[in-house]
Amino acid sequence: MGRLNPPFVEWLMGLPPGYVTDTPGLSRTAQLKALGNGVIPQQAAYALRLMATPGSLAPAA
């Protein structure tokens, strides 16, 4: 079975190529750990928009 490729994970997360993988001195394991602990930018932006919209977090009736 193949190994997880950090550039592929960057792509899946919607990050620009090299955002993590071009950081000098990071091993493959460190790259995957950094990516695994990261937040997907599109998900974060959606959460912020949702929290900024008045009434959007009100419980359903």
PDB file of N, CA and C in Angstrom:
ATOM      1  N   MET A   1       0.845  -1.175   0.000  1.00  0.00           N
ATOM      2  CA  MET A   1       0.000   0.000   0.000  1.00  0.00           C
ATOM      3  C   MET A   1       0.893   1.241   0.000  1.00  0.00           C
ATOM      4  N   GLY A   2       0.471   2.279  -0.686  1.00  0.00           N
ATOM      5  CA  GLY A   2       1.244   3.513  -0.790  1.00  0.00           C
ATOM      6  C   GLY A   2       1.212   4.348   0.477  1.00  0.00           C
ATOM      7  N   ARG A   3       2.085   5.333   0.497  1.00  0.00           N
ATOM      8  CA  ARG A   3       2.163   6.251   1.638  1.00  0.00           C
ATOM      9  C   ARG A   3       1.465   7.561   1.283  1.00  0.00           C
ATOM     10  N   LEU A   4       0.951   8.226   2.307  1.00  0.00           N
ATOM     11  CA  LEU A   4       0.281   9.502   2.113  1.00  0.00           C
ATOM     12  C   LEU A   4       1.301  10.547   1.671  1.00  0.00           C
ATOM     13  N   ASN A   5       0.942  11.293   0.657  1.00  0.00           N
ATOM     14  CA  ASN A   5       1.825  12.270   0.041  1.00  0.00           C
ATOM     15  C   ASN A   5       1.452  13.681   0.523  1.00  0.00           C
ATOM     16  N   PRO A   6       2.361  14.401   1.230  1.00  0.00           N
ATOM     17  CA  PRO A   6       2.024  15.734   1.747  1.00  0.00           C
ATOM     18  C   PRO A   6       1.515  16.722   0.691  1.00  0.00           C
ATOM     19  N   PRO A   7       2.093  16.782  -0.529  1.00  0.00           N
ATOM     20  CA  PRO A   7       1.524  17.708  -1.516  1.00  0.00           C
ATOM     21  C   PRO A   7       0.057  17.385  -1.860  1.00  0.00           C
ATOM     22  N   PHE A   8      -0.299  16.102  -1.852  1.00  0.00           N
ATOM     23  CA  PHE A   8      -1.684  15.713  -2.109  1.00  0.00           C
ATOM     24  C   PHE A   8      -2.594  16.226  -0.988  1.00  0.00           C
ATOM     25  N   VAL A   9      -2.127  16.140   0.258  1.00  0.00           N
ATOM     26  CA  VAL A   9      -2.915  16.629   1.391  1.00  0.00           C
ATOM     27  C   VAL A   9      -3.087  18.147   1.290  1.00  0.00           C
ATOM     28  N   GLU A  10      -2.027  18.856   0.899  1.00  0.00           N
ATOM     29  CA  GLU A  10      -2.145  20.306   0.680  1.00  0.00           C
ATOM     30  C   GLU A  10      -3.248  20.592  -0.337  1.00  0.00           C
ATOM     31  N   TRP A  11      -3.233  19.856  -1.424  1.00  0.00           N
ATOM     32  CA  TRP A  11      -4.224  20.049  -2.488  1.00  0.00           C
ATOM     33  C   TRP A  11      -5.632  19.757  -1.966  1.00  0.00           C
ATOM     34  N   LEU A  12      -5.796  18.651  -1.217  1.00  0.00           N
ATOM     35  CA  LEU A  12      -7.115  18.306  -0.676  1.00  0.00           C
ATOM     36  C   LEU A  12      -7.658  19.392   0.244  1.00  0.00           C
ATOM     37  N   MET A  13      -6.761  20.047   0.969  1.00  0.00           N
ATOM     38  CA  MET A  13      -7.166  21.087   1.914  1.00  0.00           C
ATOM     39  C   MET A  13      -7.388  22.432   1.232  1.00  0.00           C
ATOM     40  N   GLY A  14      -7.084  22.525  -0.054  1.00  0.00           N
ATOM     41  CA  GLY A  14      -7.285  23.777  -0.770  1.00  0.00           C
ATOM     42  C   GLY A  14      -6.170  24.778  -0.533  1.00  0.00           C
ATOM     43  N   LEU A  15      -5.031  24.311  -0.063  1.00  0.00           N
ATOM     44  CA  LEU A  15      -3.891  25.193   0.187  1.00  0.00           C
ATOM     45  C   LEU A  15      -3.076  25.365  -1.095  1.00  0.00           C
ATOM     46  N   PRO A  16      -2.386  26.489  -1.233  1.00  0.00           N
ATOM     47  CA  PRO A  16      -1.534  26.655  -2.404  1.00  0.00           C
ATOM     48  C   PRO A  16      -0.381  25.655  -2.376  1.00  0.00           C
ATOM     49  N   PRO A  17       0.071  25.207  -3.531  1.00  0.00           N
ATOM     50  CA  PRO A  17       1.195  24.265  -3.574  1.00  0.00           C
ATOM     51  C   PRO A  17       2.409  24.827  -2.833  1.00  0.00           C
ATOM     52  N   GLY A  18       2.977  24.007  -1.962  1.00  0.00           N
ATOM     53  CA  GLY A  18       4.162  24.414  -1.223  1.00  0.00           C
ATOM     54  C   GLY A  18       3.885  25.164   0.060  1.00  0.00           C
ATOM     55  N   TYR A  19       2.635  25.380   0.398  1.00  0.00           N
ATOM     56  CA  TYR A  19       2.278  26.138   1.608  1.00  0.00           C
ATOM     57  C   TYR A  19       2.941  25.533   2.848  1.00  0.00           C
ATOM     58  N   VAL A  20       2.945  24.213   2.923  1.00  0.00           N
ATOM     59  CA  VAL A  20       3.622  23.512   4.021  1.00  0.00           C
ATOM     60  C   VAL A  20       4.853  22.780   3.502  1.00  0.00           C
ATOM     61  N   THR A  21       4.729  22.173   2.339  1.00  0.00           N
ATOM     62  CA  THR A  21       5.792  21.295   1.847  1.00  0.00           C
ATOM     63  C   THR A  21       7.060  22.035   1.422  1.00  0.00           C
ATOM     64  N   ASP A  22       6.995  23.322   1.189  1.00  0.00           N
ATOM     65  CA  ASP A  22       8.199  24.080   0.837  1.00  0.00           C
ATOM     66  C   ASP A  22       8.875  24.707   2.054  1.00  0.00           C
ATOM     67  N   THR A  23       8.386  24.402   3.254  1.00  0.00           N
ATOM     68  CA  THR A  23       9.000  24.928   4.471  1.00  0.00           C
ATOM     69  C   THR A  23      10.313  24.182   4.709  1.00  0.00           C
ATOM     70  N   PRO A  24      11.438  24.909   4.752  1.00  0.00           N
ATOM     71  CA  PRO A  24      12.735  24.234   4.923  1.00  0.00           C
ATOM     72  C   PRO A  24      12.821  23.494   6.266  1.00  0.00           C
ATOM     73  N   GLY A  25      13.422  22.328   6.215  1.00  0.00           N
ATOM     74  CA  GLY A  25      13.703  21.568   7.432  1.00  0.00           C
ATOM     75  C   GLY A  25      12.580  20.689   7.940  1.00  0.00           C
ATOM     76  N   LEU A  26      11.421  20.683   7.292  1.00  0.00           N
ATOM     77  CA  LEU A  26      10.317  19.827   7.750  1.00  0.00           C
ATOM     78  C   LEU A  26      10.411  18.455   7.090  1.00  0.00           C
ATOM     79  N   SER A  27      10.424  17.430   7.909  1.00  0.00           N
ATOM     80  CA  SER A  27      10.404  16.066   7.378  1.00  0.00           C
ATOM     81  C   SER A  27       9.001  15.758   6.840  1.00  0.00           C
ATOM     82  N   ARG A  28       8.889  14.672   6.126  1.00  0.00           N
ATOM     83  CA  ARG A  28       7.586  14.237   5.614  1.00  0.00           C
ATOM     84  C   ARG A  28       6.602  14.064   6.768  1.00  0.00           C
ATOM     85  N   THR A  29       7.065  13.452   7.852  1.00  0.00           N
ATOM     86  CA  THR A  29       6.203  13.238   9.019  1.00  0.00           C
ATOM     87  C   THR A  29       5.762  14.560   9.625  1.00  0.00           C
ATOM     88  N   ALA A  30       6.675  15.516   9.742  1.00  0.00           N
ATOM     89  CA  ALA A  30       6.326  16.824  10.300  1.00  0.00           C
ATOM     90  C   ALA A  30       5.352  17.569   9.392  1.00  0.00           C
ATOM     91  N   GLN A  31       5.522  17.423   8.091  1.00  0.00           N
ATOM     92  CA  GLN A  31       4.594  18.055   7.142  1.00  0.00           C
ATOM     93  C   GLN A  31       3.195  17.499   7.324  1.00  0.00           C
ATOM     94  N   LEU A  32       3.086  16.171   7.417  1.00  0.00           N
ATOM     95  CA  LEU A  32       1.771  15.552   7.583  1.00  0.00           C
ATOM     96  C   LEU A  32       1.150  15.915   8.925  1.00  0.00           C
ATOM     97  N   LYS A  33       1.976  16.033   9.965  1.00  0.00           N
ATOM     98  CA  LYS A  33       1.460  16.429  11.273  1.00  0.00           C
ATOM     99  C   LYS A  33       0.929  17.855  11.213  1.00  0.00           C
ATOM    100  N   ALA A  34       1.675  18.757  10.585  1.00  0.00           N
ATOM    101  CA  ALA A  34       1.231  20.147  10.458  1.00  0.00           C
ATOM    102  C   ALA A  34      -0.070  20.222   9.659  1.00  0.00           C
ATOM    103  N   LEU A  35      -0.134  19.479   8.572  1.00  0.00           N
ATOM    104  CA  LEU A  35      -1.348  19.483   7.753  1.00  0.00           C
ATOM    105  C   LEU A  35      -2.518  18.864   8.500  1.00  0.00           C
ATOM    106  N   GLY A  36      -2.263  17.815   9.248  1.00  0.00           N
ATOM    107  CA  GLY A  36      -3.318  17.145  10.003  1.00  0.00           C
ATOM    108  C   GLY A  36      -3.871  17.997  11.125  1.00  0.00           C
ATOM    109  N   ASN A  37      -3.046  18.901  11.655  1.00  0.00           N
ATOM    110  CA  ASN A  37      -3.492  19.778  12.736  1.00  0.00           C
ATOM    111  C   ASN A  37      -4.042  21.093  12.210  1.00  0.00           C
ATOM    112  N   GLY A  38      -4.073  21.246  10.902  1.00  0.00           N
ATOM    113  CA  GLY A  38      -4.527  22.492  10.302  1.00  0.00           C
ATOM    114  C   GLY A  38      -6.033  22.557  10.131  1.00  0.00           C
ATOM    115  N   VAL A  39      -6.485  23.723   9.752  1.00  0.00           N
ATOM    116  CA  VAL A  39      -7.901  23.957   9.470  1.00  0.00           C
ATOM    117  C   VAL A  39      -8.046  24.208   7.979  1.00  0.00           C
ATOM    118  N   ILE A  40      -9.049  23.628   7.379  1.00  0.00           N
ATOM    119  CA  ILE A  40      -9.303  23.857   5.958  1.00  0.00           C
ATOM    120  C   ILE A  40      -9.808  25.289   5.807  1.00  0.00           C
ATOM    121  N   PRO A  41      -9.106  26.111   5.013  1.00  0.00           N
ATOM    122  CA  PRO A  41      -9.465  27.533   4.910  1.00  0.00           C
ATOM    123  C   PRO A  41     -10.930  27.781   4.543  1.00  0.00           C
ATOM    124  N   GLN A  42     -11.472  27.001   3.625  1.00  0.00           N
ATOM    125  CA  GLN A  42     -12.864  27.204   3.214  1.00  0.00           C
ATOM    126  C   GLN A  42     -13.822  26.931   4.376  1.00  0.00           C
ATOM    127  N   GLN A  43     -13.515  25.937   5.191  1.00  0.00           N
ATOM    128  CA  GLN A  43     -14.353  25.610   6.342  1.00  0.00           C
ATOM    129  C   GLN A  43     -14.280  26.717   7.384  1.00  0.00           C
ATOM    130  N   ALA A  44     -13.090  27.249   7.618  1.00  0.00           N
ATOM    131  CA  ALA A  44     -12.922  28.336   8.581  1.00  0.00           C
ATOM    132  C   ALA A  44     -13.673  29.584   8.120  1.00  0.00           C
ATOM    133  N   ALA A  45     -13.578  29.907   6.840  1.00  0.00           N
ATOM    134  CA  ALA A  45     -14.267  31.089   6.310  1.00  0.00           C
ATOM    135  C   ALA A  45     -15.781  30.933   6.460  1.00  0.00           C
ATOM    136  N   TYR A  46     -16.293  29.744   6.181  1.00  0.00           N
ATOM    137  CA  TYR A  46     -17.730  29.508   6.328  1.00  0.00           C
ATOM    138  C   TYR A  46     -18.159  29.670   7.789  1.00  0.00           C
ATOM    139  N   ALA A  47     -17.376  29.115   8.709  1.00  0.00           N
ATOM    140  CA  ALA A  47     -17.712  29.218  10.132  1.00  0.00           C
ATOM    141  C   ALA A  47     -17.731  30.679  10.579  1.00  0.00           C
ATOM    142  N   LEU A  48     -16.764  31.462  10.129  1.00  0.00           N
ATOM    143  CA  LEU A  48     -16.721  32.879  10.501  1.00  0.00           C
ATOM    144  C   LEU A  48     -17.913  33.640   9.930  1.00  0.00           C
ATOM    145  N   ARG A  49     -18.279  33.347   8.664  1.00  0.00           N
ATOM    146  CA  ARG A  49     -19.458  34.001   8.076  1.00  0.00           C
ATOM    147  C   ARG A  49     -20.717  33.620   8.846  1.00  0.00           C
ATOM    148  N   LEU A  50     -20.821  32.360   9.213  1.00  0.00           N
ATOM    149  CA  LEU A  50     -21.990  31.880   9.947  1.00  0.00           C
ATOM    150  C   LEU A  50     -22.100  32.574  11.296  1.00  0.00           C
ATOM    151  N   MET A  51     -20.983  32.698  11.998  1.00  0.00           N
ATOM    152  CA  MET A  51     -21.001  33.352  13.310  1.00  0.00           C
ATOM    153  C   MET A  51     -21.248  34.860  13.204  1.00  0.00           C
ATOM    154  N   ALA A  52     -20.893  35.458  12.087  1.00  0.00           N
ATOM    155  CA  ALA A  52     -21.053  36.893  11.920  1.00  0.00           C
ATOM    156  C   ALA A  52     -22.458  37.281  11.471  1.00  0.00           C
ATOM    157  N   THR A  53     -23.271  36.323  11.045  1.00  0.00           N
ATOM    158  CA  THR A  53     -24.629  36.600  10.583  1.00  0.00           C
ATOM    159  C   THR A  53     -25.586  36.544  11.764  1.00  0.00           C
ATOM    160  N   PRO A  54     -26.208  37.678  12.082  1.00  0.00           N
ATOM    161  CA  PRO A  54     -27.140  37.696  13.236  1.00  0.00           C
ATOM    162  C   PRO A  54     -28.255  36.668  13.070  1.00  0.00           C
ATOM    163  N   GLY A  55     -28.499  35.909  14.111  1.00  0.00           N
ATOM    164  CA  GLY A  55     -29.581  34.926  14.110  1.00  0.00           C
ATOM    165  C   GLY A  55     -29.253  33.610  13.440  1.00  0.00           C
ATOM    166  N   SER A  56     -28.080  33.500  12.821  1.00  0.00           N
ATOM    167  CA  SER A  56     -27.765  32.277  12.093  1.00  0.00           C
ATOM    168  C   SER A  56     -27.478  31.100  13.023  1.00  0.00           C
ATOM    169  N   LEU A  57     -27.152  31.384  14.271  1.00  0.00           N
ATOM    170  CA  LEU A  57     -26.857  30.312  15.207  1.00  0.00           C
ATOM    171  C   LEU A  57     -28.000  30.079  16.192  1.00  0.00           C
ATOM    172  N   ALA A  58     -29.137  30.719  15.939  1.00  0.00           N
ATOM    173  CA  ALA A  58     -30.291  30.547  16.820  1.00  0.00           C
ATOM    174  C   ALA A  58     -30.823  29.124  16.683  1.00  0.00           C
ATOM    175  N   PRO A  59     -31.249  28.513  17.798  1.00  0.00           N
ATOM    176  CA  PRO A  59     -31.801  27.162  17.722  1.00  0.00           C
ATOM    177  C   PRO A  59     -33.072  27.135  16.867  1.00  0.00           C
ATOM    178  N   ALA A  60     -33.254  26.038  16.179  1.00  0.00           N
ATOM    179  CA  ALA A  60     -34.461  25.873  15.356  1.00  0.00           C
ATOM    180  C   ALA A  60     -35.691  25.744  16.260  1.00  0.00           C
ATOM    181  N   ALA A  61     -36.773  26.310  15.822  1.00  0.00           N
ATOM    182  CA  ALA A  61     -38.011  26.280  16.619  1.00  0.00           C
ATOM    183  C   ALA A  61     -38.680  24.943  16.527  1.00  0.00           C
TER     184      ALA A  61
END
